[in-house]
Amino acid sequence: MRSIAAATLILAMSCDSNVAGPTRRAALGQSFDLRVGETATLEEEGLTIGFTGVTNDSRCPIDVVCIRAGDATLRLTLRRLPQPATVVEVKTPTPPDAVYDGYSIEVRTLLPAPRASTPTEPNAYVATLVVDRASS
């Protein structure tokens, strides 16, 4: 029965143009890495998270001395069947976490760190995320 639910989830994701691929597995409360264009599936929860990109990165470059640390904004596509996909933006450093359908999504790290001398390629980002049940 569980494999049928997983197959249904993967099939639904492949039909949704808002969810990125390829897909990796993730577990509730455990950190996992996503590259831009990848999707994680929390099969037990019926939840998928796609990392579609970084819309703003004003973090202080590692080769510069800054007055403030700055932040970055990540765009994530979230979906829990049977609901439609939802796009959220999450800023680093967190909190605040993104909250979606009873789950909190925390960004632990975003790599690579910016450099003043070299712009970061849009597809080079890797986010470390943790998904947990949101506190009420």
C-alpha atoms as a PDB file:
ATOM      1  CA  MET A   1       0.000   0.000   0.000  1.00  0.00           C
ATOM      2  CA  ARG A   2       2.836   2.383   0.877  1.00  0.00           C
ATOM      3  CA  SER A   3       4.521   1.792  -2.512  1.00  0.00           C
ATOM      4  CA  ILE A   4       1.267   2.657  -4.301  1.00  0.00           C
ATOM      5  CA  ALA A   5       1.092   5.959  -2.385  1.00  0.00           C
ATOM      6  CA  ALA A   6       4.727   6.707  -3.229  1.00  0.00           C
ATOM      7  CA  ALA A   7       4.153   5.911  -6.903  1.00  0.00           C
ATOM      8  CA  THR A   8       1.074   8.158  -6.929  1.00  0.00           C
ATOM      9  CA  LEU A   9       3.113  10.961  -5.339  1.00  0.00           C
ATOM     10  CA  ILE A  10       5.913  10.638  -7.895  1.00  0.00           C
ATOM     11  CA  LEU A  11       3.417  10.497 -10.772  1.00  0.00           C
ATOM     12  CA  ALA A  12       1.627  13.603  -9.479  1.00  0.00           C
ATOM     13  CA  MET A  13       4.941  15.431  -9.172  1.00  0.00           C
ATOM     14  CA  SER A  14       5.921  14.576 -12.726  1.00  0.00           C
ATOM     15  CA  CYS A  15       2.636  16.048 -13.991  1.00  0.00           C
ATOM     16  CA  ASP A  16       3.122  19.317 -12.094  1.00  0.00           C
ATOM     17  CA  SER A  17       5.206  21.857 -13.982  1.00  0.00           C
ATOM     18  CA  ASN A  18       5.769  23.889 -10.784  1.00  0.00           C
ATOM     19  CA  VAL A  19       7.756  21.148  -9.044  1.00  0.00           C
ATOM     20  CA  ALA A  20      11.407  20.737  -9.927  1.00  0.00           C
ATOM     21  CA  GLY A  21      13.284  17.463 -10.523  1.00  0.00           C
ATOM     22  CA  PRO A  22      15.314  15.249  -9.989  1.00  0.00           C
ATOM     23  CA  THR A  23      13.870  13.930  -6.742  1.00  0.00           C
ATOM     24  CA  ARG A  24      15.596  12.776  -3.546  1.00  0.00           C
ATOM     25  CA  ARG A  25      14.138  11.356  -0.343  1.00  0.00           C
ATOM     26  CA  ALA A  26      14.033  13.279   2.914  1.00  0.00           C
ATOM     27  CA  ALA A  27      12.785  12.582   6.434  1.00  0.00           C
ATOM     28  CA  LEU A  28      10.919  14.714   8.920  1.00  0.00           C
ATOM     29  CA  GLY A  29      13.298  16.442  11.357  1.00  0.00           C
ATOM     30  CA  GLN A  30      16.425  15.474   9.380  1.00  0.00           C
ATOM     31  CA  SER A  31      18.520  17.956   7.399  1.00  0.00           C
ATOM     32  CA  PHE A  32      18.922  17.407   3.666  1.00  0.00           C
ATOM     33  CA  ASP A  33      20.576  19.242   0.788  1.00  0.00           C
ATOM     34  CA  LEU A  34      18.803  20.457  -2.342  1.00  0.00           C
ATOM     35  CA  ARG A  35      20.442  21.980  -5.390  1.00  0.00           C
ATOM     36  CA  VAL A  36      18.540  24.442  -7.542  1.00  0.00           C
ATOM     37  CA  GLY A  37      16.230  22.342  -9.713  1.00  0.00           C
ATOM     38  CA  GLU A  38      15.995  19.407  -7.293  1.00  0.00           C
ATOM     39  CA  THR A  39      12.998  18.187  -5.318  1.00  0.00           C
ATOM     40  CA  ALA A  40      12.834  16.306  -2.012  1.00  0.00           C
ATOM     41  CA  THR A  41      10.007  13.965  -1.107  1.00  0.00           C
ATOM     42  CA  LEU A  42       8.959  13.236   2.449  1.00  0.00           C
ATOM     43  CA  GLU A  43       7.024  10.096   1.526  1.00  0.00           C
ATOM     44  CA  GLU A  44       5.565   9.438   4.986  1.00  0.00           C
ATOM     45  CA  GLU A  45       4.110  12.953   4.983  1.00  0.00           C
ATOM     46  CA  GLY A  46       3.063  13.078   1.304  1.00  0.00           C
ATOM     47  CA  LEU A  47       5.034  16.317   1.008  1.00  0.00           C
ATOM     48  CA  THR A  48       7.386  17.518  -1.741  1.00  0.00           C
ATOM     49  CA  ILE A  49       9.737  20.499  -1.670  1.00  0.00           C
ATOM     50  CA  GLY A  50      11.322  21.871  -4.820  1.00  0.00           C
ATOM     51  CA  PHE A  51      14.190  24.393  -4.735  1.00  0.00           C
ATOM     52  CA  THR A  52      13.529  26.644  -7.704  1.00  0.00           C
ATOM     53  CA  GLY A  53      16.159  29.299  -7.055  1.00  0.00           C
ATOM     54  CA  VAL A  54      17.520  32.252  -5.130  1.00  0.00           C
ATOM     55  CA  THR A  55      15.700  35.489  -5.909  1.00  0.00           C
ATOM     56  CA  ASN A  56      17.983  37.760  -3.861  1.00  0.00           C
ATOM     57  CA  ASP A  57      21.432  37.288  -2.343  1.00  0.00           C
ATOM     58  CA  SER A  58      22.706  40.286  -0.408  1.00  0.00           C
ATOM     59  CA  ARG A  59      24.809  38.251   2.041  1.00  0.00           C
ATOM     60  CA  CYS A  60      28.173  39.748   2.856  1.00  0.00           C
ATOM     61  CA  PRO A  61      30.824  38.321   0.503  1.00  0.00           C
ATOM     62  CA  ILE A  62      33.441  36.231   2.307  1.00  0.00           C
ATOM     63  CA  ASP A  63      36.254  38.342   0.831  1.00  0.00           C
ATOM     64  CA  VAL A  64      34.844  41.663   2.113  1.00  0.00           C
ATOM     65  CA  VAL A  65      34.336  43.233   5.557  1.00  0.00           C
ATOM     66  CA  CYS A  66      30.688  44.295   5.934  1.00  0.00           C
ATOM     67  CA  ILE A  67      28.767  46.317   8.495  1.00  0.00           C
ATOM     68  CA  ARG A  68      25.874  43.844   8.365  1.00  0.00           C
ATOM     69  CA  ALA A  69      25.626  40.181   7.378  1.00  0.00           C
ATOM     70  CA  GLY A  70      22.864  40.566   4.768  1.00  0.00           C
ATOM     71  CA  ASP A  71      20.439  37.867   3.711  1.00  0.00           C
ATOM     72  CA  ALA A  72      19.272  35.699   0.837  1.00  0.00           C
ATOM     73  CA  THR A  73      15.785  34.795  -0.375  1.00  0.00           C
ATOM     74  CA  LEU A  74      15.112  31.247  -1.549  1.00  0.00           C
ATOM     75  CA  ARG A  75      12.114  30.290  -3.675  1.00  0.00           C
ATOM     76  CA  LEU A  76      10.610  26.901  -2.809  1.00  0.00           C
ATOM     77  CA  THR A  77       7.701  25.026  -4.376  1.00  0.00           C
ATOM     78  CA  LEU A  78       5.743  23.021  -1.785  1.00  0.00           C
ATOM     79  CA  ARG A  79       3.073  20.431  -2.385  1.00  0.00           C
ATOM     80  CA  ARG A  80       1.114  18.027  -0.239  1.00  0.00           C
ATOM     81  CA  LEU A  81      -1.354  15.885  -2.103  1.00  0.00           C
ATOM     82  CA  PRO A  82      -4.149  16.436  -2.975  1.00  0.00           C
ATOM     83  CA  GLN A  83      -3.490  20.183  -2.716  1.00  0.00           C
ATOM     84  CA  PRO A  84      -1.998  22.212  -5.574  1.00  0.00           C
ATOM     85  CA  ALA A  85       1.622  23.343  -5.435  1.00  0.00           C
ATOM     86  CA  THR A  86       2.394  26.563  -3.562  1.00  0.00           C
ATOM     87  CA  VAL A  87       5.414  28.808  -4.081  1.00  0.00           C
ATOM     88  CA  VAL A  88       6.944  30.369  -0.956  1.00  0.00           C
ATOM     89  CA  GLU A  89       9.974  32.559  -0.383  1.00  0.00           C
ATOM     90  CA  VAL A  90      12.167  32.004   2.669  1.00  0.00           C
ATOM     91  CA  LYS A  91      14.868  34.394   3.857  1.00  0.00           C
ATOM     92  CA  THR A  92      18.138  33.430   5.459  1.00  0.00           C
ATOM     93  CA  PRO A  93      19.257  33.600   8.110  1.00  0.00           C
ATOM     94  CA  THR A  94      16.186  32.064   9.725  1.00  0.00           C
ATOM     95  CA  PRO A  95      13.945  32.388  11.625  1.00  0.00           C
ATOM     96  CA  PRO A  96      11.364  33.001  10.392  1.00  0.00           C
ATOM     97  CA  ASP A  97      10.796  29.597   8.879  1.00  0.00           C
ATOM     98  CA  ALA A  98       8.319  29.031   6.085  1.00  0.00           C
ATOM     99  CA  VAL A  99       5.126  27.384   7.324  1.00  0.00           C
ATOM    100  CA  TYR A 100       3.049  25.248   4.983  1.00  0.00           C
ATOM    101  CA  ASP A 101       0.100  22.979   5.800  1.00  0.00           C
ATOM    102  CA  GLY A 102       1.233  22.293   9.366  1.00  0.00           C
ATOM    103  CA  TYR A 103       4.964  21.989   8.554  1.00  0.00           C
ATOM    104  CA  SER A 104       7.846  24.367   9.147  1.00  0.00           C
ATOM    105  CA  ILE A 105      10.682  24.572   6.632  1.00  0.00           C
ATOM    106  CA  GLU A 106      13.965  25.903   8.004  1.00  0.00           C
ATOM    107  CA  VAL A 107      16.933  26.936   5.870  1.00  0.00           C
ATOM    108  CA  ARG A 108      20.058  25.830   7.762  1.00  0.00           C
ATOM    109  CA  THR A 109      22.682  26.875   5.194  1.00  0.00           C
ATOM    110  CA  LEU A 110      22.968  28.268   1.694  1.00  0.00           C
ATOM    111  CA  LEU A 111      26.113  27.617  -0.320  1.00  0.00           C
ATOM    112  CA  PRO A 112      28.204  28.824  -1.963  1.00  0.00           C
ATOM    113  CA  ALA A 113      29.048  31.844   0.135  1.00  0.00           C
ATOM    114  CA  PRO A 114      29.152  34.931  -2.081  1.00  0.00           C
ATOM    115  CA  ARG A 115      32.441  36.450  -3.235  1.00  0.00           C
ATOM    116  CA  ALA A 116      32.787  40.088  -4.277  1.00  0.00           C
ATOM    117  CA  SER A 117      35.036  39.180  -7.196  1.00  0.00           C
ATOM    118  CA  THR A 118      32.864  36.410  -8.675  1.00  0.00           C
ATOM    119  CA  PRO A 119      29.078  36.438  -9.105  1.00  0.00           C
ATOM    120  CA  THR A 120      27.334  33.219  -8.092  1.00  0.00           C
ATOM    121  CA  GLU A 121      25.818  31.270 -10.961  1.00  0.00           C
ATOM    122  CA  PRO A 122      22.037  30.896 -10.431  1.00  0.00           C
ATOM    123  CA  ASN A 123      22.198  27.077 -10.611  1.00  0.00           C
ATOM    124  CA  ALA A 124      25.193  26.790  -8.240  1.00  0.00           C
ATOM    125  CA  TYR A 125      23.208  27.194  -5.014  1.00  0.00           C
ATOM    126  CA  VAL A 126      22.737  24.326  -2.553  1.00  0.00           C
ATOM    127  CA  ALA A 127      20.372  24.775   0.382  1.00  0.00           C
ATOM    128  CA  THR A 128      20.378  22.644   3.521  1.00  0.00           C
ATOM    129  CA  LEU A 129      16.801  22.394   4.779  1.00  0.00           C
ATOM    130  CA  VAL A 130      14.947  20.809   7.706  1.00  0.00           C
ATOM    131  CA  VAL A 131      11.227  20.081   7.640  1.00  0.00           C
ATOM    132  CA  ASP A 132       9.355  19.504  10.892  1.00  0.00           C
ATOM    133  CA  ARG A 133       5.832  19.774  12.189  1.00  0.00           C
ATOM    134  CA  ALA A 134       4.974  23.398  12.931  1.00  0.00           C
ATOM    135  CA  SER A 135       4.379  24.242  16.567  1.00  0.00           C
ATOM    136  CA  SER A 136       0.867  25.393  17.265  1.00  0.00           C
END
